[in-house]
Amino acid sequence: MTLAAVLTTTVVVLEYALKIFAIGTVPENRRPAASSAWLLLILFVPVVGFPLYWLIGSPYVSGRRHVVQQRANQVLADRKDLWPVMPEGADPDRTLASVLAMNQRLTGLPCVSGAHEQTYPDTGDYFAAIAEAIDDAREYVHVEFYIVCWDEATDVVFEAMRRAASRGVEVRLLLDHLGSRKYPGRKQLGPRMTEAGIDWHLMMPIDPLKGRWRRPDLRNHRKLVVVDGERAFLGSHNLIAPSYGSTKNAEMGRAWSDVSLQVSGDIVTSVSVVFATDWYTETGELLDVERYFADQPDQPAGGRGHAMQLVPSGPGYATEPNLRLFTALIHGATDRVAITSPYFVPDEALLAAITSASYRGVQVELFVGEKADQFLVGHAQRSYYAALLDAGVTIHLYPAPTVLHGKYFTVDGRVAMIGSSNMDFRSFALTSEIMLLAFGGDLVERLERNDADYRAVSRVLTVEEWSARSWREKYVDNVCRLTAALM
């Protein structure tokens, strides 16, 4: 046998051995859809499938970041006896109470009182409010965003941080490395922030030359601001202009439409806990509990006052708290559910919860963009429309070129969820997120008014229109659905 024949035989045997190994290991601790997608890639295109799987395919997250999150979760769990089971005046029904208990068990964070100060569907208003709060800061400002860019729209925030630092206020800022890397002014951003007196650090940095390597598919997608432990901002806005630094976007009128809010009360401490954990993960600095987690005045339920619970999620949480929360709330719905999500690629459990709710007679509405800003996710999302329409879900398509980017939903006119999490595979397992659950006040009413604004300009997708798609469109959608499941 020639050398070439020996090499060929060896390669073939090795390839089949690896494929057989993959069949028995890839499905472990993974959703069926993700398992199928990975196995199809590995079996049919092994030269791509194997390297990609070794790089980002493991369903397990280990290492220092995972350990830090587990320790933080344990610290919170050990202190749960110091917190009340429910804030005074809160009156959840039995189903909601069980969801709140689940959330605390999975994340360590309790249901506390908080006030909804303001909701911001306008980016300029949101940045102005953050700047105003920073200008009032006396001790510290903590800022964390997936995307950070110092541009004309965000200058008001950065200049407020500069002024705060100049008067002795501690200003800390975290930004995701890959999330912020591609936007204009990235090379100058670090020196500008340093010159402004901002103590800034990258989240999930990837720099092999400096010995910093992370799985590139794991990112920190959170967006939050805390001022003196008294006020917090969170939602879907990134710290960047609505056109996302693109002249082409600006010229064509393409802008990202977001919804965020400002809160006060004990809920701010929960937001501070999330920031402190991320800060320690990236810097090794432990923030003093007495200084940064001071108790806040209780907020009586009704009007601005709410019962609130922060639900963080991400690779450090093997139990996927946001997915379980979404699914549980929708399963418990009896009247109506309204969901706004820019990237809607649900797993089997969430899709079943939504369609089952509709089949049970619950009025279910889904607000999504007419055209997504990401090709793969946009087409994967479209592959779910037929099942939703068949179940009776009303799909509202928000008109392009605007990119609908808000992430919130309401249940039965009594419970609201808002934050950074999309309803897709990445947000459930691969990216760090935060969602705020609130009930007993006026936040649901405010978000329902925002739904009315969306409804007024959107068009309803009909079964007839969707059935008339070409075979090519259906094929692309279904292929992208498989691709979106790779994780």
Protein backbone atom coordinates (compact mmCIF):
# COMPACT_ATOMS: atom_id res chain seq x y z
CA MET A 1 0.00 0.00 0.00
CA THR A 2 1.38 3.37 -0.96
CA LEU A 3 1.93 6.21 1.52
CA ALA A 4 -0.87 8.20 -0.10
CA ALA A 5 -3.27 5.27 0.35
CA VAL A 6 -2.26 4.90 3.99
CA LEU A 7 -2.84 8.61 4.64
CA THR A 8 -6.19 8.54 2.87
CA THR A 9 -7.33 5.50 4.85
CA THR A 10 -6.16 7.09 8.12
CA VAL A 11 -8.04 10.32 7.40
CA VAL A 12 -11.24 8.47 6.49
CA VAL A 13 -11.08 6.27 9.62
CA LEU A 14 -10.37 9.32 11.81
CA GLU A 15 -13.22 11.28 10.24
CA TYR A 16 -15.74 8.50 10.82
CA ALA A 17 -14.45 7.93 14.35
CA LEU A 18 -14.94 11.61 15.15
CA LYS A 19 -18.41 11.58 13.60
CA ILE A 20 -19.43 8.58 15.68
CA PHE A 21 -18.01 10.30 18.76
CA ALA A 22 -19.97 13.47 17.93
CA ILE A 23 -23.27 11.58 17.62
CA GLY A 24 -22.90 10.36 21.19
CA THR A 25 -21.59 13.57 22.78
CA VAL A 26 -23.04 16.60 20.99
CA PRO A 27 -26.64 16.08 22.24
CA GLU A 28 -25.53 16.07 25.90
CA ASN A 29 -27.04 19.01 27.87
CA ARG A 30 -28.28 20.61 24.65
CA ARG A 31 -31.67 21.39 23.11
CA PRO A 32 -32.79 18.98 20.35
CA ALA A 33 -32.81 21.73 17.72
CA ALA A 34 -29.25 22.77 18.58
CA SER A 35 -28.09 19.16 18.61
CA SER A 36 -29.57 18.55 15.16
CA ALA A 37 -27.98 21.69 13.74
CA TRP A 38 -24.54 20.86 15.10
CA LEU A 39 -24.70 17.24 13.95
CA LEU A 40 -25.79 18.26 10.44
CA LEU A 41 -22.82 20.63 10.21
CA ILE A 42 -20.37 18.09 11.60
CA LEU A 43 -21.59 15.15 9.52
CA PHE A 44 -21.95 16.94 6.18
CA VAL A 45 -19.23 19.61 6.38
CA PRO A 46 -16.74 18.21 8.91
CA VAL A 47 -13.93 20.52 7.81
CA VAL A 48 -16.05 23.41 9.09
CA GLY A 49 -18.14 21.66 11.73
CA PHE A 50 -15.37 20.18 13.88
CA PRO A 51 -13.24 23.34 14.28
CA LEU A 52 -16.34 25.48 14.89
CA TYR A 53 -17.64 23.05 17.50
CA TRP A 54 -14.32 22.98 19.33
CA LEU A 55 -14.25 26.80 19.30
CA ILE A 56 -17.81 27.67 20.39
CA GLY A 57 -19.83 24.48 20.51
CA SER A 58 -19.44 23.31 24.08
CA PRO A 59 -22.69 23.61 26.06
CA TYR A 60 -20.65 23.94 29.25
CA VAL A 61 -19.11 27.19 30.43
CA SER A 62 -16.21 26.85 32.82
CA GLY A 63 -13.26 28.89 34.03
CA ARG A 64 -12.88 31.91 36.31
CA ARG A 65 -15.96 33.80 35.07
CA HIS A 66 -18.21 30.89 35.78
CA VAL A 67 -16.71 30.45 39.26
CA VAL A 68 -17.12 34.17 40.08
CA GLN A 69 -20.79 34.10 39.12
CA GLN A 70 -21.42 30.96 41.13
CA ARG A 71 -19.78 32.52 44.19
CA ALA A 72 -21.87 35.68 43.80
CA ASN A 73 -25.02 33.59 43.50
CA GLN A 74 -24.09 31.71 46.66
CA VAL A 75 -23.44 34.93 48.61
CA LEU A 76 -26.92 36.14 47.68
CA ALA A 77 -28.47 32.79 48.56
CA ASP A 78 -26.77 32.80 51.97
CA ARG A 79 -28.24 36.23 52.75
CA LYS A 80 -31.81 35.53 51.64
CA ASP A 81 -32.99 35.27 55.25
CA LEU A 82 -32.21 38.99 55.62
CA TRP A 83 -34.73 39.95 52.95
CA PRO A 84 -38.53 39.89 53.23
CA VAL A 85 -40.33 37.29 51.16
CA MET A 86 -42.29 40.09 49.48
CA PRO A 87 -42.22 43.90 49.82
CA GLU A 88 -44.95 45.44 51.94
CA GLY A 89 -48.14 46.02 49.95
CA ALA A 90 -47.34 43.54 47.18
CA ASP A 91 -50.16 41.12 46.42
CA PRO A 92 -49.17 38.62 43.71
CA ASP A 93 -51.51 35.78 42.88
CA ARG A 94 -50.38 32.23 43.51
CA THR A 95 -48.90 31.74 40.04
CA LEU A 96 -46.90 34.96 40.08
CA ALA A 97 -45.70 34.29 43.62
CA SER A 98 -44.30 30.94 42.47
CA VAL A 99 -42.49 32.66 39.57
CA LEU A 100 -40.95 35.19 41.97
CA ALA A 101 -39.77 32.35 44.21
CA MET A 102 -38.26 30.56 41.21
CA ASN A 103 -36.41 33.71 40.15
CA GLN A 104 -34.89 34.16 43.60
CA ARG A 105 -33.87 30.52 43.77
CA LEU A 106 -32.14 30.75 40.37
CA THR A 107 -30.44 34.15 40.79
CA GLY A 108 -30.39 34.92 44.51
CA LEU A 109 -32.10 38.28 43.97
CA PRO A 110 -35.34 38.92 45.91
CA CYS A 111 -38.53 40.72 44.99
CA VAL A 112 -38.21 44.22 46.49
CA SER A 113 -39.93 47.58 46.29
CA GLY A 114 -39.07 50.13 43.63
CA ALA A 115 -40.43 53.13 41.82
CA HIS A 116 -40.84 53.56 38.09
CA GLU A 117 -39.61 57.12 37.62
CA GLN A 118 -39.87 57.42 33.84
CA THR A 119 -39.96 55.41 30.62
CA TYR A 120 -37.90 56.54 27.61
CA PRO A 121 -38.86 55.48 24.07
CA ASP A 122 -36.81 58.41 22.71
CA THR A 123 -33.02 58.01 22.69
CA GLY A 124 -32.29 61.72 23.10
CA ASP A 125 -34.57 61.94 26.13
CA TYR A 126 -32.93 58.88 27.64
CA PHE A 127 -29.38 60.16 27.28
CA ALA A 128 -30.44 63.57 28.63
CA ALA A 129 -31.99 61.93 31.70
CA ILE A 130 -28.84 59.89 32.35
CA ALA A 131 -26.70 63.02 32.01
CA GLU A 132 -28.95 64.93 34.40
CA ALA A 133 -28.69 62.14 36.98
CA ILE A 134 -24.89 62.04 36.62
CA ASP A 135 -24.71 65.80 37.10
CA ASP A 136 -26.49 65.30 40.42
CA ALA A 137 -24.12 62.52 41.52
CA ARG A 138 -22.31 63.06 44.81
CA GLU A 139 -20.29 59.85 45.27
CA TYR A 140 -20.22 57.45 42.33
CA VAL A 141 -21.52 56.62 38.87
CA HIS A 142 -21.51 53.07 37.46
CA VAL A 143 -22.08 52.58 33.74
CA GLU A 144 -22.27 49.31 31.81
CA PHE A 145 -23.24 48.90 28.15
CA TYR A 146 -22.75 46.27 25.47
CA ILE A 147 -22.00 48.97 22.87
CA VAL A 148 -20.27 52.22 23.81
CA CYS A 149 -19.46 54.98 21.33
CA TRP A 150 -18.58 58.62 22.03
CA ASP A 151 -20.55 60.41 19.30
CA GLU A 152 -22.79 63.46 18.92
CA ALA A 153 -25.73 61.72 20.58
CA THR A 154 -23.79 60.30 23.57
CA ASP A 155 -21.56 63.33 24.10
CA VAL A 156 -24.05 64.69 26.65
CA VAL A 157 -23.52 61.56 28.78
CA PHE A 158 -19.73 61.51 28.48
CA GLU A 159 -19.43 65.21 29.28
CA ALA A 160 -21.59 64.66 32.36
CA MET A 161 -19.21 61.86 33.38
CA ARG A 162 -16.25 64.20 32.80
CA ARG A 163 -17.82 66.86 35.03
CA ALA A 164 -18.59 64.27 37.70
CA ALA A 165 -15.02 62.96 37.71
CA SER A 166 -13.63 66.50 37.91
CA ARG A 167 -15.54 67.16 41.15
CA GLY A 168 -14.31 63.94 42.74
CA VAL A 169 -17.13 61.54 41.91
CA GLU A 170 -15.98 57.97 41.19
CA VAL A 171 -16.92 57.10 37.59
CA ARG A 172 -16.63 53.47 36.51
CA LEU A 173 -17.53 52.18 33.06
CA LEU A 174 -17.68 48.69 31.52
CA LEU A 175 -18.06 48.03 27.79
CA ASP A 176 -18.11 44.79 25.85
CA HIS A 177 -14.95 44.34 23.80
CA LEU A 178 -16.38 42.87 20.61
CA GLY A 179 -19.72 44.65 20.99
CA SER A 180 -18.08 48.08 20.82
CA ARG A 181 -15.16 47.33 18.55
CA LYS A 182 -16.56 48.05 15.09
CA TYR A 183 -17.99 51.52 15.66
CA PRO A 184 -16.44 54.88 14.67
CA GLY A 185 -13.88 56.38 17.03
CA ARG A 186 -13.11 53.06 18.74
CA LYS A 187 -9.33 53.65 18.77
CA GLN A 188 -9.75 57.08 20.32
CA LEU A 189 -12.47 56.02 22.78
CA GLY A 190 -10.17 54.58 25.44
CA PRO A 191 -7.79 57.58 25.59
CA ARG A 192 -10.74 60.00 25.58
CA MET A 193 -12.39 58.23 28.50
CA THR A 194 -9.12 58.07 30.42
CA GLU A 195 -8.54 61.79 29.82
CA ALA A 196 -12.08 62.46 31.11
CA GLY A 197 -11.26 60.72 34.39
CA ILE A 198 -13.36 57.60 33.72
CA ASP A 199 -12.13 54.30 35.17
CA TRP A 200 -13.05 52.03 32.27
CA HIS A 201 -12.52 48.35 31.46
CA LEU A 202 -13.41 45.94 28.67
CA MET A 203 -15.84 43.09 29.31
CA MET A 204 -15.03 39.70 27.81
CA PRO A 205 -11.75 40.99 26.27
CA ILE A 206 -10.15 39.03 23.45
CA ASP A 207 -6.47 39.85 22.99
CA PRO A 208 -4.32 36.72 22.51
CA LEU A 209 -1.11 38.78 22.33
CA LYS A 210 -1.73 39.88 25.93
CA GLY A 211 -2.87 36.45 27.07
CA ARG A 212 -6.53 37.39 27.12
CA TRP A 213 -8.74 34.90 25.32
CA ARG A 214 -12.42 34.19 25.73
CA ARG A 215 -14.95 32.17 23.78
CA PRO A 216 -15.93 34.75 21.15
CA ASP A 217 -19.58 33.71 21.24
CA LEU A 218 -19.91 34.67 24.93
CA ARG A 219 -20.64 38.38 25.35
CA ASN A 220 -21.95 40.78 28.00
CA HIS A 221 -25.11 42.34 26.55
CA ARG A 222 -26.29 44.25 29.64
CA LYS A 223 -27.15 47.94 29.59
CA LEU A 224 -27.37 49.76 32.94
CA VAL A 225 -26.43 52.89 34.87
CA VAL A 226 -26.40 53.37 38.66
CA VAL A 227 -26.00 56.79 40.31
CA ASP A 228 -25.17 56.96 44.05
CA GLY A 229 -27.16 53.77 44.62
CA GLU A 230 -30.33 55.87 44.45
CA ARG A 231 -31.23 55.85 40.77
CA ALA A 232 -30.75 53.25 38.08
CA PHE A 233 -31.38 53.12 34.35
CA LEU A 234 -31.85 49.94 32.33
CA GLY A 235 -33.50 48.74 29.13
CA SER A 236 -32.53 48.11 25.53
CA HIS A 237 -30.60 51.27 24.61
CA ASN A 238 -26.90 50.98 23.90
CA LEU A 239 -24.67 54.00 24.50
CA ILE A 240 -24.55 55.02 20.84
CA ALA A 241 -26.50 57.22 18.42
CA PRO A 242 -29.72 55.70 17.02
CA SER A 243 -28.07 55.35 13.58
CA TYR A 244 -25.32 53.20 15.16
CA GLY A 245 -22.47 55.27 13.75
CA SER A 246 -23.38 54.67 10.11
CA THR A 247 -23.63 57.55 7.66
CA LYS A 248 -25.58 55.28 5.32
CA ASN A 249 -28.10 54.51 8.05
CA ALA A 250 -28.52 58.19 8.81
CA GLU A 251 -29.03 59.06 5.14
CA MET A 252 -31.70 56.38 4.64
CA GLY A 253 -33.45 57.20 7.89
CA ARG A 254 -32.54 53.91 9.52
CA ALA A 255 -32.51 54.21 13.30
CA TRP A 256 -32.78 51.82 16.23
CA SER A 257 -35.94 52.30 18.28
CA ASP A 258 -35.53 51.36 21.95
CA VAL A 259 -37.37 51.51 25.27
CA SER A 260 -35.61 51.99 28.60
CA LEU A 261 -36.58 53.28 32.04
CA GLN A 262 -35.38 54.91 35.25
CA VAL A 263 -36.09 53.34 38.66
CA SER A 264 -35.45 54.17 42.30
CA GLY A 265 -35.82 52.37 45.62
CA ASP A 266 -34.47 49.00 46.76
CA ILE A 267 -34.43 47.68 43.20
CA VAL A 268 -31.40 49.91 42.58
CA THR A 269 -29.43 47.73 45.01
CA SER A 270 -30.19 44.70 42.83
CA VAL A 271 -28.84 46.55 39.79
CA SER A 272 -25.76 47.49 41.83
CA VAL A 273 -25.19 43.81 42.67
CA VAL A 274 -25.12 42.93 38.96
CA PHE A 275 -22.69 45.74 38.17
CA ALA A 276 -20.44 44.87 41.12
CA THR A 277 -20.25 41.23 40.00
CA ASP A 278 -19.31 42.23 36.45
CA TRP A 279 -16.82 44.81 37.75
CA TYR A 280 -15.10 42.24 39.98
CA THR A 281 -15.04 39.73 37.12
CA GLU A 282 -13.16 42.17 34.86
CA THR A 283 -10.99 44.04 37.38
CA GLY A 284 -10.62 41.88 40.49
CA GLU A 285 -11.79 44.83 42.62
CA LEU A 286 -14.42 44.11 45.27
CA LEU A 287 -16.76 47.06 45.80
CA ASP A 288 -17.51 47.77 49.46
CA VAL A 289 -20.96 46.54 50.50
CA GLU A 290 -21.64 49.35 52.98
CA ARG A 291 -20.70 52.07 50.49
CA TYR A 292 -22.25 50.77 47.29
CA PHE A 293 -25.24 48.73 48.45
CA ALA A 294 -26.94 51.11 50.87
CA ASP A 295 -30.58 50.39 51.77
CA GLN A 296 -33.07 52.62 49.94
CA PRO A 297 -36.49 53.91 51.05
CA ASP A 298 -39.37 51.50 50.49
CA GLN A 299 -41.81 52.46 47.75
CA PRO A 300 -45.50 51.85 48.53
CA ALA A 301 -47.30 49.91 45.81
CA GLY A 302 -49.52 51.81 43.40
CA GLY A 303 -48.74 54.50 40.81
CA ARG A 304 -44.96 54.88 40.62
CA GLY A 305 -44.44 52.30 43.36
CA HIS A 306 -44.02 48.66 42.33
CA ALA A 307 -42.94 45.30 43.51
CA MET A 308 -39.85 44.64 41.38
CA GLN A 309 -37.40 41.82 40.81
CA LEU A 310 -34.23 41.94 38.73
CA VAL A 311 -33.50 38.74 36.81
CA PRO A 312 -29.92 38.49 35.53
CA SER A 313 -28.94 35.66 33.22
CA GLY A 314 -25.98 34.53 31.19
CA PRO A 315 -23.29 31.87 30.87
CA GLY A 316 -22.77 31.89 34.63
CA TYR A 317 -26.35 30.72 35.14
CA ALA A 318 -26.68 27.16 33.88
CA THR A 319 -30.43 27.24 34.57
CA GLU A 320 -31.24 29.99 31.99
CA PRO A 321 -33.33 32.18 34.34
CA ASN A 322 -34.68 34.51 31.63
CA LEU A 323 -36.00 31.67 29.48
CA ARG A 324 -37.69 30.02 32.46
CA LEU A 325 -39.19 33.36 33.51
CA PHE A 326 -40.59 34.12 30.05
CA THR A 327 -42.02 30.64 29.68
CA ALA A 328 -43.58 30.54 33.14
CA LEU A 329 -45.27 33.94 32.82
CA ILE A 330 -46.74 33.12 29.41
CA HIS A 331 -47.98 29.73 30.58
CA GLY A 332 -49.74 31.54 33.44
CA ALA A 333 -51.45 34.10 31.18
CA THR A 334 -55.26 34.05 31.10
CA ASP A 335 -56.20 37.17 29.15
CA ARG A 336 -53.53 38.77 26.97
CA VAL A 337 -49.80 38.78 26.24
CA ALA A 338 -47.97 41.45 24.24
CA ILE A 339 -44.33 40.81 23.27
CA THR A 340 -41.84 43.21 21.69
CA SER A 341 -38.57 41.63 20.58
CA PRO A 342 -36.10 42.52 17.81
CA TYR A 343 -34.73 38.99 17.59
CA PHE A 344 -37.44 36.39 18.09
CA VAL A 345 -35.95 32.91 17.74
CA PRO A 346 -37.63 30.95 20.56
CA ASP A 347 -36.67 27.50 21.72
CA GLU A 348 -39.23 24.69 21.72
CA ALA A 349 -40.47 25.41 25.25
CA LEU A 350 -41.05 29.12 24.68
CA LEU A 351 -42.69 28.58 21.30
CA ALA A 352 -45.00 25.98 22.86
CA ALA A 353 -45.88 28.38 25.70
CA ILE A 354 -46.77 31.17 23.28
CA THR A 355 -48.79 29.06 20.85
CA SER A 356 -50.49 27.18 23.70
CA ALA A 357 -51.54 30.48 25.26
CA SER A 358 -53.11 31.50 21.96
CA TYR A 359 -54.85 28.15 21.57
CA ARG A 360 -56.22 28.58 25.11
CA GLY A 361 -57.91 31.79 24.02
CA VAL A 362 -55.32 34.26 25.32
CA GLN A 363 -54.91 37.28 23.04
CA VAL A 364 -51.24 37.13 22.00
CA GLU A 365 -49.54 39.94 20.07
CA LEU A 366 -45.96 39.97 18.79
CA PHE A 367 -44.31 43.23 17.71
CA VAL A 368 -41.26 42.74 15.48
CA GLY A 369 -39.47 44.76 12.84
CA GLU A 370 -40.57 44.45 9.24
CA LYS A 371 -36.91 44.02 8.33
CA ALA A 372 -34.24 42.82 10.77
CA ASP A 373 -30.76 44.34 10.88
CA GLN A 374 -29.12 40.88 10.92
CA PHE A 375 -29.56 38.53 7.97
CA LEU A 376 -29.31 35.16 9.72
CA VAL A 377 -31.40 36.07 12.76
CA GLY A 378 -33.94 37.94 10.64
CA HIS A 379 -34.59 34.94 8.41
CA ALA A 380 -34.52 32.50 11.33
CA GLN A 381 -37.17 34.62 13.01
CA ARG A 382 -39.37 34.50 9.93
CA SER A 383 -39.31 30.69 10.01
CA TYR A 384 -41.49 30.78 13.15
CA TYR A 385 -44.22 33.01 11.74
CA ALA A 386 -46.26 30.16 10.21
CA ALA A 387 -46.60 28.32 13.52
CA LEU A 388 -47.51 31.55 15.30
CA LEU A 389 -50.11 32.54 12.70
CA ASP A 390 -51.63 29.07 12.70
CA ALA A 391 -52.08 29.36 16.47
CA GLY A 392 -53.81 32.72 16.12
CA VAL A 393 -50.97 34.98 17.27
CA THR A 394 -51.24 38.53 15.85
CA ILE A 395 -47.91 39.59 14.34
CA HIS A 396 -47.36 43.35 13.98
CA LEU A 397 -44.59 44.31 11.53
CA TYR A 398 -43.04 47.65 12.47
CA PRO A 399 -42.17 49.52 9.26
CA ALA A 400 -38.62 49.70 7.90
CA PRO A 401 -36.18 51.38 7.81
CA THR A 402 -36.59 51.72 11.60
CA VAL A 403 -35.10 48.79 13.52
CA LEU A 404 -37.44 47.86 16.35
CA HIS A 405 -35.01 47.13 19.19
CA GLY A 406 -37.12 47.31 22.38
CA LYS A 407 -37.20 44.20 24.58
CA TYR A 408 -40.26 43.99 26.81
CA PHE A 409 -43.57 42.24 27.27
CA THR A 410 -46.68 42.48 29.42
CA VAL A 411 -49.01 39.77 30.75
CA ASP A 412 -52.71 40.19 31.59
CA GLY A 413 -52.35 43.91 32.18
CA ARG A 414 -50.65 43.26 35.51
CA VAL A 415 -47.05 42.13 34.99
CA ALA A 416 -44.32 43.85 32.97
CA MET A 417 -40.88 42.64 31.88
CA ILE A 418 -38.29 44.99 30.36
CA GLY A 419 -34.54 44.89 29.87
CA SER A 420 -31.77 43.72 27.56
CA SER A 421 -32.75 40.14 26.71
CA ASN A 422 -33.87 39.11 23.27
CA MET A 423 -36.02 36.03 22.80
CA ASP A 424 -33.39 33.98 21.04
CA PHE A 425 -30.88 31.24 21.73
CA ARG A 426 -27.99 33.65 22.35
CA SER A 427 -29.80 35.65 25.02
CA PHE A 428 -30.94 32.51 26.80
CA ALA A 429 -27.49 30.93 27.19
CA LEU A 430 -24.56 32.80 25.65
CA THR A 431 -24.89 36.49 26.56
CA SER A 432 -25.16 38.14 29.95
CA GLU A 433 -28.52 39.91 30.26
CA ILE A 434 -30.78 41.60 32.79
CA MET A 435 -34.57 41.81 32.84
CA LEU A 436 -36.77 43.71 35.28
CA LEU A 437 -40.07 42.20 36.41
CA ALA A 438 -42.57 44.70 37.86
CA PHE A 439 -46.17 44.59 39.07
CA GLY A 440 -48.53 46.59 41.24
CA GLY A 441 -47.89 50.00 39.67
CA ASP A 442 -48.18 51.92 36.41
CA LEU A 443 -45.36 50.41 34.32
CA VAL A 444 -47.67 47.96 32.54
CA GLU A 445 -49.98 50.81 31.57
CA ARG A 446 -47.02 52.82 30.24
CA LEU A 447 -45.73 49.93 28.14
CA GLU A 448 -49.22 49.22 26.82
CA ARG A 449 -49.38 52.84 25.63
CA ASN A 450 -46.12 52.21 23.82
CA ASP A 451 -47.71 49.12 22.22
CA ALA A 452 -50.56 51.34 21.03
CA ASP A 453 -48.04 53.66 19.37
CA TYR A 454 -46.41 50.68 17.64
CA ARG A 455 -49.78 49.26 16.65
CA ALA A 456 -50.81 52.53 15.03
CA VAL A 457 -47.90 52.50 12.55
CA SER A 458 -47.39 48.76 12.06
CA ARG A 459 -49.18 46.42 9.69
CA VAL A 460 -50.60 43.03 10.63
CA LEU A 461 -49.09 40.02 8.87
CA THR A 462 -51.85 37.83 7.43
CA VAL A 463 -51.90 34.08 6.89
CA GLU A 464 -52.63 34.66 3.18
CA GLU A 465 -49.63 36.93 2.73
CA TRP A 466 -47.32 34.54 4.53
CA SER A 467 -48.57 31.51 2.62
CA ALA A 468 -47.83 33.26 -0.67
CA ARG A 469 -44.08 33.36 -0.09
CA SER A 470 -41.86 31.81 -2.72
CA TRP A 471 -40.17 28.45 -2.14
CA ARG A 472 -36.82 30.29 -2.18
CA GLU A 473 -37.84 32.51 0.74
CA LYS A 474 -39.03 29.52 2.72
CA TYR A 475 -35.80 27.64 2.01
CA VAL A 476 -33.58 30.54 3.17
CA ASP A 477 -35.68 31.02 6.32
CA ASN A 478 -35.41 27.35 7.26
CA VAL A 479 -31.67 27.16 6.60
CA CYS A 480 -31.11 30.21 8.79
CA ARG A 481 -33.28 28.61 11.48
CA LEU A 482 -30.83 25.72 11.65
CA THR A 483 -27.88 28.12 11.73
CA ALA A 484 -29.41 30.14 14.58
CA ALA A 485 -29.65 26.97 16.67
CA LEU A 486 -25.87 26.42 16.63
CA MET A 487 -24.67 26.96 20.15
